[in-house]
């Protein structure tokens, strides 16, 4: 298991290259929150035909307004 840390916009290219290397190393990616780290991991996983798991719950699972007004 390897962990990727997102460190802000200034280091985005370094983060994306690191995530790409980790996805190529792994058989499956696992992301606990659906955020920019998960997006990069899932995107590269799809491109290179790797499995990906994203646990969704909390802030990324809530809506700002009701589904049925």
C-alpha atoms as a PDB file:
ATOM      1  CA  UNK A   1       0.000   0.000   0.000  1.00  0.00           C
ATOM      2  CA  UNK A   2       1.190   3.490  -0.849  1.00  0.00           C
ATOM      3  CA  UNK A   3      -0.371   6.806   0.170  1.00  0.00           C
ATOM      4  CA  UNK A   4      -0.603   9.926  -2.010  1.00  0.00           C
ATOM      5  CA  UNK A   5      -0.973  13.348  -0.430  1.00  0.00           C
ATOM      6  CA  UNK A   6      -2.422  16.303  -2.294  1.00  0.00           C
ATOM      7  CA  UNK A   7      -0.398  19.414  -1.430  1.00  0.00           C
ATOM      8  CA  UNK A   8      -2.272  22.215  -3.167  1.00  0.00           C
ATOM      9  CA  UNK A   9      -2.331  23.792  -6.606  1.00  0.00           C
ATOM     10  CA  UNK A  10       1.354  24.722  -6.649  1.00  0.00           C
ATOM     11  CA  UNK A  11       2.415  21.081  -6.590  1.00  0.00           C
ATOM     12  CA  UNK A  12      -0.372  19.706  -8.800  1.00  0.00           C
ATOM     13  CA  UNK A  13       1.931  18.426 -11.569  1.00  0.00           C
ATOM     14  CA  UNK A  14       4.128  16.624  -9.053  1.00  0.00           C
ATOM     15  CA  UNK A  15       1.011  15.124  -7.448  1.00  0.00           C
ATOM     16  CA  UNK A  16      -0.390  13.937 -10.803  1.00  0.00           C
ATOM     17  CA  UNK A  17       2.904  12.361 -11.867  1.00  0.00           C
ATOM     18  CA  UNK A  18       3.215  10.637  -8.486  1.00  0.00           C
ATOM     19  CA  UNK A  19      -0.373   9.377  -8.683  1.00  0.00           C
ATOM     20  CA  UNK A  20       0.229   8.066 -12.200  1.00  0.00           C
ATOM     21  CA  UNK A  21       3.305   6.137 -11.022  1.00  0.00           C
ATOM     22  CA  UNK A  22       1.374   4.675  -8.091  1.00  0.00           C
ATOM     23  CA  UNK A  23      -1.553   3.608 -10.284  1.00  0.00           C
ATOM     24  CA  UNK A  24       0.828   1.857 -12.676  1.00  0.00           C
ATOM     25  CA  UNK A  25       2.374   0.073  -9.669  1.00  0.00           C
ATOM     26  CA  UNK A  26      -0.955  -1.007  -8.146  1.00  0.00           C
ATOM     27  CA  UNK A  27      -3.563  -3.577  -9.096  1.00  0.00           C
ATOM     28  CA  UNK A  28      -6.346  -1.560  -7.440  1.00  0.00           C
ATOM     29  CA  UNK A  29      -6.683   1.984  -6.066  1.00  0.00           C
ATOM     30  CA  UNK A  30      -8.653   2.778  -2.902  1.00  0.00           C
ATOM     31  CA  UNK A  31      -9.820   6.295  -2.059  1.00  0.00           C
ATOM     32  CA  UNK A  32     -11.591   7.137   1.188  1.00  0.00           C
ATOM     33  CA  UNK A  33     -13.118  10.449   0.043  1.00  0.00           C
ATOM     34  CA  UNK A  34     -14.389  11.545  -3.381  1.00  0.00           C
ATOM     35  CA  UNK A  35     -12.086  14.529  -3.878  1.00  0.00           C
ATOM     36  CA  UNK A  36      -9.265  15.586  -6.231  1.00  0.00           C
ATOM     37  CA  UNK A  37      -7.047  12.693  -5.108  1.00  0.00           C
ATOM     38  CA  UNK A  38      -9.780  10.188  -5.862  1.00  0.00           C
ATOM     39  CA  UNK A  39     -10.511  11.815  -9.207  1.00  0.00           C
ATOM     40  CA  UNK A  40      -6.883  11.512 -10.312  1.00  0.00           C
ATOM     41  CA  UNK A  41      -6.606   7.918  -9.086  1.00  0.00           C
ATOM     42  CA  UNK A  42      -9.870   6.842 -10.745  1.00  0.00           C
ATOM     43  CA  UNK A  43      -9.047   8.651 -13.983  1.00  0.00           C
ATOM     44  CA  UNK A  44      -5.635   6.974 -14.292  1.00  0.00           C
ATOM     45  CA  UNK A  45      -7.130   3.644 -13.192  1.00  0.00           C
ATOM     46  CA  UNK A  46      -9.694   3.830 -15.985  1.00  0.00           C
ATOM     47  CA  UNK A  47      -7.068   4.780 -18.569  1.00  0.00           C
ATOM     48  CA  UNK A  48      -4.773   1.896 -17.592  1.00  0.00           C
ATOM     49  CA  UNK A  49      -7.593  -0.596 -16.906  1.00  0.00           C
ATOM     50  CA  UNK A  50      -7.005  -0.942 -13.168  1.00  0.00           C
ATOM     51  CA  UNK A  51      -9.735  -1.401 -10.601  1.00  0.00           C
ATOM     52  CA  UNK A  52     -10.650   1.487  -8.326  1.00  0.00           C
ATOM     53  CA  UNK A  53     -12.690   1.778  -5.144  1.00  0.00           C
ATOM     54  CA  UNK A  54     -14.018   5.068  -3.757  1.00  0.00           C
ATOM     55  CA  UNK A  55     -15.772   5.250  -0.386  1.00  0.00           C
ATOM     56  CA  UNK A  56     -18.412   7.982  -0.570  1.00  0.00           C
ATOM     57  CA  UNK A  57     -19.959   9.424   2.571  1.00  0.00           C
ATOM     58  CA  UNK A  58     -20.117  12.723   4.341  1.00  0.00           C
ATOM     59  CA  UNK A  59     -19.622  16.016   2.534  1.00  0.00           C
ATOM     60  CA  UNK A  60     -19.367  14.519  -0.965  1.00  0.00           C
ATOM     61  CA  UNK A  61     -22.630  12.642  -0.439  1.00  0.00           C
ATOM     62  CA  UNK A  62     -24.788  15.611   0.594  1.00  0.00           C
ATOM     63  CA  UNK A  63     -26.769  17.919  -1.636  1.00  0.00           C
ATOM     64  CA  UNK A  64     -27.170  21.664  -1.060  1.00  0.00           C
ATOM     65  CA  UNK A  65     -30.937  21.399  -1.711  1.00  0.00           C
ATOM     66  CA  UNK A  66     -33.587  18.654  -1.540  1.00  0.00           C
ATOM     67  CA  UNK A  67     -34.022  16.340  -4.519  1.00  0.00           C
ATOM     68  CA  UNK A  68     -37.786  16.896  -4.594  1.00  0.00           C
ATOM     69  CA  UNK A  69     -38.862  20.494  -3.834  1.00  0.00           C
END
